[in-house]
């Protein structure tokens, strides 16, 4: 999924779940920042204080960069949560280990991840972790059928549009896309098709099976389940009954998925406009997102306008306000999520990854 969903739709779902504007903005910003947090390494302050941050994406979010991307431990915990074949703890899907790594929508693994997030809601970074969790949770629908590793299971061919006709425009873009001998990573072989909410399409997967995808349906299901999860977060009970999206708002969201076309930034602007116009039951709201530079969470926390690629960053001055900044809380939540998924959650399902 892209910024229109991870920021715009997440904000809408958070408000419809019962969050007020400021908290919903933190959740939605955190959800999108998973795709924009590309810097890792140590920050050294002038008073001797230090902070170590990790990344959740890569500055070149490009599926051609297989060898480089393989060195970034971001794909499995943040973008392609393993689904264990949709099976619970103690059961394994037939086949080899790769079958356990394939992303599955709303899998028991994903549900356990959400439950842990809700149980940790009391943390100072609870809302930020909720946003990160909602990003990963939503992507289990968009990235279903693909794995966050370089493997032939991700191969896709015979791409078709919603009417079953060959998708020649996509096949033309794919020509020469993959560098010599590299295996496909994630859904690289279908480019951004899984992330566009308005698309209906299909392909033949790495096993030779024909797959039909209905993004508007899947994205609406994801939004509804996200709303339920956030309603339970507010209740403080992972098992609380949750109605999900109100019917009128659900219909509006469904219509927007079908009709909001174009590239991600354009679709995002459309969602922000609908929110500002008061098209949802929570009324009008002014929502914005700044990934980097002036007005960004990082700039407010560190005073930085631009940052180079150096991992060891030295700053002029330290402020106690840094400790309660959204940027620090996001990185605290990022590390907590990463540790839990890699070291606690996945091993329960017999999945050991770096």
Protein backbone atom coordinates (compact mmCIF):
# COMPACT_ATOMS: atom_id res chain seq x y z
CA UNK A 1 0.00 0.00 0.00
CA UNK A 2 1.04 3.60 -0.49
CA UNK A 3 0.67 6.96 1.22
CA UNK A 4 -3.00 7.38 0.32
CA UNK A 5 -3.86 4.33 2.40
CA UNK A 6 -1.14 4.28 5.05
CA UNK A 7 -1.70 7.94 5.94
CA UNK A 8 -5.10 9.04 4.63
CA UNK A 9 -7.14 5.89 5.17
CA UNK A 10 -5.42 5.11 8.47
CA UNK A 11 -6.42 8.57 9.75
CA UNK A 12 -10.03 8.02 8.66
CA UNK A 13 -10.15 4.58 10.31
CA UNK A 14 -8.62 5.94 13.51
CA UNK A 15 -11.20 8.73 13.75
CA UNK A 16 -14.05 6.33 13.00
CA UNK A 17 -12.69 4.02 15.70
CA UNK A 18 -13.06 6.85 18.21
CA UNK A 19 -9.69 8.61 18.35
CA UNK A 20 -9.65 12.39 18.53
CA UNK A 21 -7.79 14.35 15.88
CA UNK A 22 -4.38 14.63 17.56
CA UNK A 23 -4.10 10.96 18.49
CA UNK A 24 -5.42 9.85 15.09
CA UNK A 25 -2.81 12.09 13.44
CA UNK A 26 -0.01 10.41 15.42
CA UNK A 27 -1.26 6.95 14.46
CA UNK A 28 -1.60 7.85 10.77
CA UNK A 29 1.75 9.67 10.62
CA UNK A 30 3.49 6.68 12.21
CA UNK A 31 1.81 4.29 9.78
CA UNK A 32 3.14 6.19 6.78
CA UNK A 33 6.54 6.97 8.29
CA UNK A 34 7.32 3.25 8.19
CA UNK A 35 7.84 3.77 4.45
CA UNK A 36 9.86 6.97 4.93
CA UNK A 37 12.17 6.15 7.84
CA UNK A 38 15.27 5.34 5.83
CA UNK A 39 18.14 6.43 8.09
CA UNK A 40 19.79 4.25 10.73
CA UNK A 41 22.71 4.76 13.06
CA UNK A 42 23.91 6.64 16.11
CA UNK A 43 23.09 10.24 16.96
CA UNK A 44 25.61 11.97 19.26
CA UNK A 45 24.56 15.10 21.12
CA UNK A 46 26.93 17.80 22.35
CA UNK A 47 26.34 16.92 26.02
CA UNK A 48 27.36 13.29 25.54
CA UNK A 49 23.83 11.93 25.15
CA UNK A 50 23.30 9.39 22.37
CA UNK A 51 20.38 7.83 20.53
CA UNK A 52 20.49 4.83 18.20
CA UNK A 53 17.79 4.62 15.54
CA UNK A 54 16.90 1.90 13.07
CA UNK A 55 15.32 2.14 9.65
CA UNK A 56 12.11 0.53 8.44
CA UNK A 57 12.59 1.25 4.74
CA UNK A 58 15.33 1.96 2.23
CA UNK A 59 16.01 5.29 0.55
CA UNK A 60 15.74 3.56 -2.81
CA UNK A 61 12.52 1.63 -2.38
CA UNK A 62 13.17 -0.09 -5.68
CA UNK A 63 12.82 -3.80 -6.26
CA UNK A 64 15.74 -3.78 -8.69
CA UNK A 65 18.21 -3.24 -5.85
CA UNK A 66 18.12 -6.86 -4.72
CA UNK A 67 21.64 -7.22 -3.41
CA UNK A 68 21.56 -3.96 -1.49
CA UNK A 69 18.04 -4.42 -0.18
CA UNK A 70 18.89 -7.90 1.05
CA UNK A 71 21.21 -6.26 3.57
CA UNK A 72 18.42 -4.20 5.06
CA UNK A 73 16.47 -6.11 7.65
CA UNK A 74 13.24 -4.31 6.97
CA UNK A 75 11.14 -6.38 4.60
CA UNK A 76 9.90 -9.19 6.83
CA UNK A 77 9.07 -7.31 10.07
CA UNK A 78 7.69 -4.15 8.45
CA UNK A 79 6.32 -4.99 4.99
CA UNK A 80 5.91 -8.74 4.37
CA UNK A 81 4.88 -10.31 7.67
CA UNK A 82 5.15 -14.11 7.29
CA UNK A 83 1.74 -15.79 7.35
CA UNK A 84 2.65 -19.41 8.22
CA UNK A 85 0.19 -20.54 5.56
CA UNK A 86 -2.64 -18.94 7.53
CA UNK A 87 -2.23 -21.62 10.20
CA UNK A 88 -2.07 -21.25 14.00
CA UNK A 89 0.86 -21.98 16.31
CA UNK A 90 1.93 -25.62 16.14
CA UNK A 91 0.86 -26.20 12.54
CA UNK A 92 2.96 -25.94 9.39
CA UNK A 93 1.84 -25.44 5.79
CA UNK A 94 2.80 -28.22 3.37
CA UNK A 95 6.02 -27.70 1.45
CA UNK A 96 9.32 -26.11 2.35
CA UNK A 97 10.22 -23.28 4.71
CA UNK A 98 9.42 -20.59 2.12
CA UNK A 99 5.72 -21.45 2.48
CA UNK A 100 5.86 -20.18 6.06
CA UNK A 101 7.32 -16.85 4.93
CA UNK A 102 4.61 -15.98 2.41
CA UNK A 103 2.43 -13.09 3.56
CA UNK A 104 -1.24 -14.00 4.26
CA UNK A 105 -4.09 -11.55 4.96
CA UNK A 106 -5.19 -11.32 8.59
CA UNK A 107 -3.24 -14.47 9.47
CA UNK A 108 -2.97 -15.77 13.05
CA UNK A 109 0.54 -14.28 13.02
CA UNK A 110 -0.87 -10.87 12.12
CA UNK A 111 -3.62 -11.14 14.73
CA UNK A 112 -1.06 -12.00 17.42
CA UNK A 113 1.01 -8.98 16.37
CA UNK A 114 -2.03 -6.73 16.78
CA UNK A 115 -2.88 -8.24 20.15
CA UNK A 116 0.65 -7.61 21.46
CA UNK A 117 0.43 -3.99 20.31
CA UNK A 118 -2.84 -3.55 22.18
CA UNK A 119 -1.41 -5.13 25.31
CA UNK A 120 1.50 -2.65 25.18
CA UNK A 121 -0.76 0.39 24.77
CA UNK A 122 0.36 1.83 28.11
CA UNK A 123 3.85 2.58 26.75
CA UNK A 124 4.82 6.19 26.11
CA UNK A 125 5.10 5.26 22.43
CA UNK A 126 1.84 3.28 22.36
CA UNK A 127 0.15 5.34 19.64
CA UNK A 128 3.27 5.29 17.49
CA UNK A 129 3.49 1.52 17.78
CA UNK A 130 -0.19 1.28 16.88
CA UNK A 131 0.53 3.17 13.66
CA UNK A 132 3.46 0.88 12.82
CA UNK A 133 1.34 -2.17 13.58
CA UNK A 134 -1.50 -0.89 11.39
CA UNK A 135 0.97 -0.45 8.51
CA UNK A 136 2.17 -4.04 8.75
CA UNK A 137 -1.36 -5.34 9.35
CA UNK A 138 -2.78 -3.56 6.28
CA UNK A 139 0.08 -4.80 4.11
CA UNK A 140 -0.88 -8.41 4.85
CA UNK A 141 -3.78 -7.84 2.45
CA UNK A 142 -1.84 -5.92 -0.20
CA UNK A 143 1.23 -8.18 -0.10
CA UNK A 144 -0.55 -11.51 0.22
CA UNK A 145 1.02 -14.29 -1.79
CA UNK A 146 4.51 -12.76 -1.72
CA UNK A 147 7.46 -13.14 0.65
CA UNK A 148 9.94 -10.53 1.87
CA UNK A 149 12.96 -12.47 0.62
CA UNK A 150 14.60 -13.01 -2.76
CA UNK A 151 13.00 -16.25 -3.92
CA UNK A 152 11.47 -17.73 -7.05
CA UNK A 153 8.17 -18.06 -5.17
CA UNK A 154 7.72 -14.34 -5.87
CA UNK A 155 7.90 -14.86 -9.61
CA UNK A 156 4.84 -13.62 -11.50
CA UNK A 157 4.00 -13.93 -15.18
CA UNK A 158 1.04 -13.72 -17.55
CA UNK A 159 -0.25 -10.57 -15.89
CA UNK A 160 -3.84 -9.69 -16.76
CA UNK A 161 -6.21 -6.82 -16.07
CA UNK A 162 -9.56 -7.05 -14.30
CA UNK A 163 -11.21 -8.50 -17.39
CA UNK A 164 -8.63 -11.26 -17.76
CA UNK A 165 -6.90 -9.63 -20.73
CA UNK A 166 -3.09 -9.46 -20.89
CA UNK A 167 -1.81 -6.34 -19.12
CA UNK A 168 0.54 -5.24 -21.88
CA UNK A 169 1.45 -1.91 -20.32
CA UNK A 170 2.76 -3.58 -17.18
CA UNK A 171 4.57 -6.28 -19.12
CA UNK A 172 6.31 -3.58 -21.16
CA UNK A 173 7.46 -1.85 -17.97
CA UNK A 174 8.78 -5.15 -16.66
CA UNK A 175 11.03 -5.75 -19.68
CA UNK A 176 14.61 -5.40 -18.54
CA UNK A 177 13.48 -4.52 -15.02
CA UNK A 178 15.37 -7.29 -13.24
CA UNK A 179 19.13 -7.29 -13.24
CA UNK A 180 20.96 -10.38 -14.40
CA UNK A 181 20.24 -13.54 -12.46
CA UNK A 182 18.53 -11.87 -9.51
CA UNK A 183 15.55 -13.58 -7.95
CA UNK A 184 12.43 -11.51 -7.34
CA UNK A 185 12.04 -9.79 -3.99
CA UNK A 186 8.56 -9.29 -2.57
CA UNK A 187 6.09 -8.30 -5.27
CA UNK A 188 8.78 -6.83 -7.53
CA UNK A 189 7.54 -8.78 -10.54
CA UNK A 190 4.18 -7.02 -10.42
CA UNK A 191 5.59 -3.59 -9.49
CA UNK A 192 3.01 -1.51 -7.60
CA UNK A 193 -0.12 -3.42 -8.68
CA UNK A 194 -0.75 -4.84 -5.18
CA UNK A 195 -0.54 -1.34 -3.66
CA UNK A 196 -3.05 0.50 -5.86
CA UNK A 197 -6.52 0.47 -4.26
CA UNK A 198 -8.52 0.80 -7.49
CA UNK A 199 -7.00 -2.15 -9.40
CA UNK A 200 -8.47 -5.53 -10.24
CA UNK A 201 -5.84 -7.71 -11.84
CA UNK A 202 -4.35 -11.18 -11.97
CA UNK A 203 -1.19 -13.14 -12.61
CA UNK A 204 0.30 -16.63 -12.65
CA UNK A 205 2.40 -17.09 -9.52
CA UNK A 206 5.71 -18.85 -8.90
CA UNK A 207 3.93 -22.19 -8.54
CA UNK A 208 2.10 -21.82 -11.84
CA UNK A 209 -1.25 -21.10 -10.17
CA UNK A 210 -3.54 -18.41 -11.59
CA UNK A 211 -4.26 -15.72 -9.01
CA UNK A 212 -7.06 -13.14 -9.22
CA UNK A 213 -6.75 -9.98 -7.12
CA UNK A 214 -9.50 -7.52 -6.22
CA UNK A 215 -7.72 -4.61 -4.54
CA UNK A 216 -10.86 -2.54 -3.77
CA UNK A 217 -12.38 -5.48 -1.89
CA UNK A 218 -9.15 -6.35 -0.08
CA UNK A 219 -8.39 -2.76 0.89
CA UNK A 220 -11.91 -2.28 2.27
CA UNK A 221 -11.58 -5.44 4.35
CA UNK A 222 -8.22 -4.19 5.63
CA UNK A 223 -9.70 -0.81 6.57
CA UNK A 224 -12.59 -2.46 8.42
CA UNK A 225 -10.28 -4.77 10.36
CA UNK A 226 -7.97 -1.86 11.19
CA UNK A 227 -10.94 0.06 12.58
CA UNK A 228 -11.87 -2.94 14.75
CA UNK A 229 -8.31 -3.22 16.05
CA UNK A 230 -8.22 0.46 16.94
CA UNK A 231 -11.62 0.26 18.63
CA UNK A 232 -10.19 -2.51 20.81
CA UNK A 233 -7.11 -0.39 21.48
CA UNK A 234 -9.33 2.40 22.80
CA UNK A 235 -11.27 -0.09 24.93
CA UNK A 236 -8.01 -1.49 26.28
CA UNK A 237 -9.21 -5.03 25.58
CA UNK A 238 -7.85 -7.10 22.65
CA UNK A 239 -10.92 -9.34 22.84
CA UNK A 240 -13.59 -6.62 23.10
CA UNK A 241 -16.48 -6.71 20.60
CA UNK A 242 -15.79 -4.18 17.85
CA UNK A 243 -18.32 -3.08 15.20
CA UNK A 244 -15.75 -1.81 12.70
CA UNK A 245 -16.54 0.90 10.18
CA UNK A 246 -19.98 2.58 10.30
CA UNK A 247 -21.95 1.54 7.21
CA UNK A 248 -22.23 5.00 5.65
CA UNK A 249 -18.52 5.68 6.08
CA UNK A 250 -17.67 2.21 4.82
CA UNK A 251 -19.65 2.88 1.65
CA UNK A 252 -17.83 6.20 1.18
CA UNK A 253 -14.44 4.55 1.62
CA UNK A 254 -15.40 1.79 -0.83
CA UNK A 255 -16.45 4.38 -3.42
CA UNK A 256 -13.21 6.31 -3.01
CA UNK A 257 -11.14 3.16 -3.50
CA UNK A 258 -12.91 2.62 -6.83
CA UNK A 259 -12.72 6.18 -8.11
CA UNK A 260 -9.49 7.73 -6.75
CA UNK A 261 -7.00 7.14 -9.56
CA UNK A 262 -3.53 8.33 -10.49
CA UNK A 263 -0.22 8.13 -8.68
CA UNK A 264 0.13 7.77 -4.92
CA UNK A 265 0.76 11.44 -4.13
CA UNK A 266 -2.25 12.52 -6.18
CA UNK A 267 -4.48 9.95 -4.50
CA UNK A 268 -3.20 11.10 -1.11
CA UNK A 269 -4.13 14.71 -1.88
CA UNK A 270 -7.62 13.55 -2.81
CA UNK A 271 -8.06 11.74 0.51
CA UNK A 272 -6.81 14.78 2.44
CA UNK A 273 -9.31 16.94 0.53
CA UNK A 274 -12.22 14.61 1.34
CA UNK A 275 -11.23 14.68 5.02
CA UNK A 276 -11.04 18.50 4.99
CA UNK A 277 -14.46 18.71 3.32
CA UNK A 278 -16.06 16.72 6.12
CA UNK A 279 -17.06 13.79 3.92
CA UNK A 280 -16.90 11.38 6.87
CA UNK A 281 -19.07 11.18 9.96
CA UNK A 282 -16.41 12.62 12.28
CA UNK A 283 -16.62 15.97 10.49
CA UNK A 284 -14.01 18.13 8.74
CA UNK A 285 -10.38 18.01 9.82
CA UNK A 286 -7.11 19.48 8.58
CA UNK A 287 -4.58 16.69 8.08
CA UNK A 288 -1.06 16.94 6.70
CA UNK A 289 2.06 14.83 6.41
CA UNK A 290 5.66 15.98 6.09
CA UNK A 291 8.15 13.14 5.71
CA UNK A 292 11.38 15.14 5.85
CA UNK A 293 12.65 18.68 6.11
CA UNK A 294 10.99 21.71 7.66
CA UNK A 295 7.97 20.75 9.76
CA UNK A 296 8.79 17.03 9.87
CA UNK A 297 8.94 15.02 13.08
CA UNK A 298 12.70 14.66 12.64
CA UNK A 299 13.25 18.38 12.17
CA UNK A 300 11.15 19.21 15.23
CA UNK A 301 13.07 16.69 17.34
CA UNK A 302 16.61 17.31 16.10
CA UNK A 303 16.56 20.69 14.41
CA UNK A 304 17.74 19.09 11.17
CA UNK A 305 16.53 20.24 7.79
CA UNK A 306 18.57 17.77 5.74
CA UNK A 307 20.73 14.81 6.65
CA UNK A 308 23.38 13.01 4.66
CA UNK A 309 24.10 9.31 4.58
CA UNK A 310 26.51 9.25 7.53
CA UNK A 311 25.45 6.71 10.12
CA UNK A 312 27.18 8.58 12.95
CA UNK A 313 25.44 11.94 13.21
CA UNK A 314 26.75 14.75 15.44
CA UNK A 315 24.39 17.49 16.55
CA UNK A 316 25.13 20.92 18.01
CA UNK A 317 22.84 20.87 21.01
CA UNK A 318 20.65 18.61 23.12
CA UNK A 319 17.19 19.51 24.40
CA UNK A 320 15.27 17.59 27.09
CA UNK A 321 12.24 17.89 24.78
CA UNK A 322 13.89 15.30 22.53
CA UNK A 323 12.89 12.57 25.00
CA UNK A 324 9.19 13.21 24.43
CA UNK A 325 9.31 14.02 20.72
CA UNK A 326 7.16 12.11 18.24
CA UNK A 327 10.27 11.23 16.26
CA UNK A 328 11.96 9.53 19.23
CA UNK A 329 8.75 7.78 20.25
CA UNK A 330 8.38 6.48 16.68
CA UNK A 331 11.88 5.01 16.74
CA UNK A 332 11.29 3.54 20.19
CA UNK A 333 8.15 1.88 18.83
CA UNK A 334 9.96 0.73 15.69
CA UNK A 335 12.60 -1.07 17.74
CA UNK A 336 10.01 -2.60 20.10
CA UNK A 337 7.98 -3.89 17.13
CA UNK A 338 11.06 -5.28 15.38
CA UNK A 339 12.32 -7.10 18.47
CA UNK A 340 8.92 -8.60 19.22
CA UNK A 341 8.27 -9.83 15.68
CA UNK A 342 11.73 -11.31 15.08
CA UNK A 343 12.51 -12.71 18.54
CA UNK A 344 9.13 -13.48 20.12
CA UNK A 345 6.33 -13.75 17.58
CA UNK A 346 7.79 -15.57 14.58
CA UNK A 347 9.68 -18.23 16.61
CA UNK A 348 6.32 -19.33 18.06
CA UNK A 349 5.43 -20.37 14.51
CA UNK A 350 8.77 -22.06 13.84
CA UNK A 351 10.04 -19.11 11.81
CA UNK A 352 13.63 -17.99 12.36
CA UNK A 353 14.76 -14.97 10.36
CA UNK A 354 17.36 -12.23 10.75
